[in-house]
Amino acid sequence: MSESSNRNDQTVPTIKERLIERLKRAKEKAPSDWKKALADHDPYFDSYGGSKCMDAAANAISNGRRANIDRIARVTIALEEIVGIEPTPII
C-alpha cells in the first residue's frame, strides 16, 4: 500500500475540525456575551461583516459545514486572546 493511501485511512481531524474544537474551548471560558466582548476588543467585530463572521463561526459549532475556515479562524484567535488562551499554530 502506498504512503498516501495510508494517510487517507487514518482519522486525523481536519484543520476546520481542530479550529472548531478550539473555538468551543475558548467560548466555554468566555463571558456569556462573548460577541459583545469581541466587538469591544476588535473594531472589525463591531461591524456588519464582523457580526456575520461571529454568527457563522457560532453556527459552525453545531454544523461545521456552515462556516468558512477563515471566519472560524479569525473568531477563534480573537476569542482566545480575550480569554487568555495562548494561541497555537493552526496547521
Protein backbone atom coordinates (compact mmCIF):
# COMPACT_ATOMS: atom_id res chain seq x y z
CA MET A 1 0.00 0.00 0.00
CA SER A 2 1.34 3.44 -0.81
CA GLU A 3 2.16 6.05 1.79
CA SER A 4 -0.55 8.46 0.58
CA SER A 5 -3.31 5.86 0.90
CA ASN A 6 -2.14 5.05 4.44
CA ARG A 7 -2.61 8.72 5.37
CA ASN A 8 -6.13 8.66 3.98
CA ASP A 9 -7.06 5.65 6.12
CA GLN A 10 -6.23 7.45 9.37
CA THR A 11 -8.83 9.55 11.10
CA VAL A 12 -6.92 12.78 11.51
CA PRO A 13 -9.12 15.78 12.27
CA THR A 14 -9.17 18.43 9.59
CA ILE A 15 -7.90 21.94 10.23
CA LYS A 16 -11.52 23.11 10.33
CA GLU A 17 -12.45 20.47 12.92
CA ARG A 18 -9.47 21.44 15.09
CA LEU A 19 -10.41 25.12 14.86
CA ILE A 20 -13.99 24.36 15.86
CA GLU A 21 -12.71 22.48 18.92
CA ARG A 22 -10.51 25.46 19.84
CA LEU A 23 -13.49 27.78 19.38
CA LYS A 24 -15.60 25.60 21.70
CA ARG A 25 -12.91 25.71 24.40
CA ALA A 26 -12.49 29.48 24.09
CA LYS A 27 -16.25 30.00 24.12
CA GLU A 28 -16.57 27.96 27.33
CA LYS A 29 -14.13 30.34 29.06
CA ALA A 30 -15.60 33.50 27.50
CA PRO A 31 -18.30 35.62 29.08
CA SER A 32 -21.87 34.80 28.10
CA ASP A 33 -21.93 37.94 25.94
CA TRP A 34 -18.82 36.83 24.03
CA LYS A 35 -19.92 38.59 20.84
CA LYS A 36 -20.02 41.94 22.64
CA ALA A 37 -16.63 41.19 24.19
CA LEU A 38 -15.22 40.54 20.71
CA ALA A 39 -16.78 43.73 19.35
CA ASP A 40 -15.23 45.71 22.22
CA HIS A 41 -11.85 44.01 21.68
CA ASP A 42 -11.57 44.39 17.89
CA PRO A 43 -13.34 47.07 15.81
CA TYR A 44 -13.78 44.60 12.95
CA PHE A 45 -16.26 42.61 15.03
CA ASP A 46 -18.21 45.82 15.71
CA SER A 47 -19.18 45.97 12.03
CA TYR A 48 -21.79 44.27 9.88
CA GLY A 49 -19.15 41.98 8.36
CA GLY A 50 -17.71 41.16 11.76
CA SER A 51 -21.14 40.37 13.13
CA LYS A 52 -21.77 37.97 10.25
CA CYS A 53 -18.35 36.41 10.85
CA MET A 54 -19.20 35.76 14.53
CA ASP A 55 -22.61 34.32 13.61
CA ALA A 56 -21.05 31.99 11.04
CA ALA A 57 -18.42 30.78 13.49
CA ALA A 58 -21.04 30.20 16.19
CA ASN A 59 -23.16 28.21 13.74
CA ALA A 60 -20.13 26.12 12.78
CA ILE A 61 -20.09 24.64 16.27
CA SER A 62 -23.34 22.82 15.55
CA ASN A 63 -22.71 22.29 11.84
CA GLY A 64 -19.10 22.51 10.62
CA ARG A 65 -20.17 22.96 7.02
CA ARG A 66 -21.83 26.26 7.80
CA ALA A 67 -18.77 28.49 8.02
CA ASN A 68 -15.70 29.32 6.06
CA ILE A 69 -12.48 28.24 7.74
CA ASP A 70 -11.10 31.80 7.57
CA ARG A 71 -14.08 33.14 9.54
CA ILE A 72 -13.76 30.40 12.14
CA ALA A 73 -10.03 31.11 12.48
CA ARG A 74 -10.50 34.87 12.86
CA VAL A 75 -13.12 34.49 15.59
CA THR A 76 -11.21 31.70 17.35
CA ILE A 77 -7.93 33.60 17.51
CA ALA A 78 -9.61 36.80 18.74
CA LEU A 79 -11.66 34.95 21.35
CA GLU A 80 -8.59 33.07 22.59
CA GLU A 81 -6.84 36.42 23.06
CA ILE A 82 -9.74 37.70 25.17
CA VAL A 83 -9.89 34.67 27.47
CA GLY A 84 -6.11 34.34 27.77
CA ILE A 85 -5.54 31.11 25.86
CA GLU A 86 -2.10 31.03 24.26
CA PRO A 87 -2.69 30.77 20.51
CA THR A 88 -1.26 27.74 18.76
CA PRO A 89 -0.40 27.37 15.10
CA ILE A 90 -3.42 26.44 13.01
CA ILE A 91 -1.66 23.84 10.90
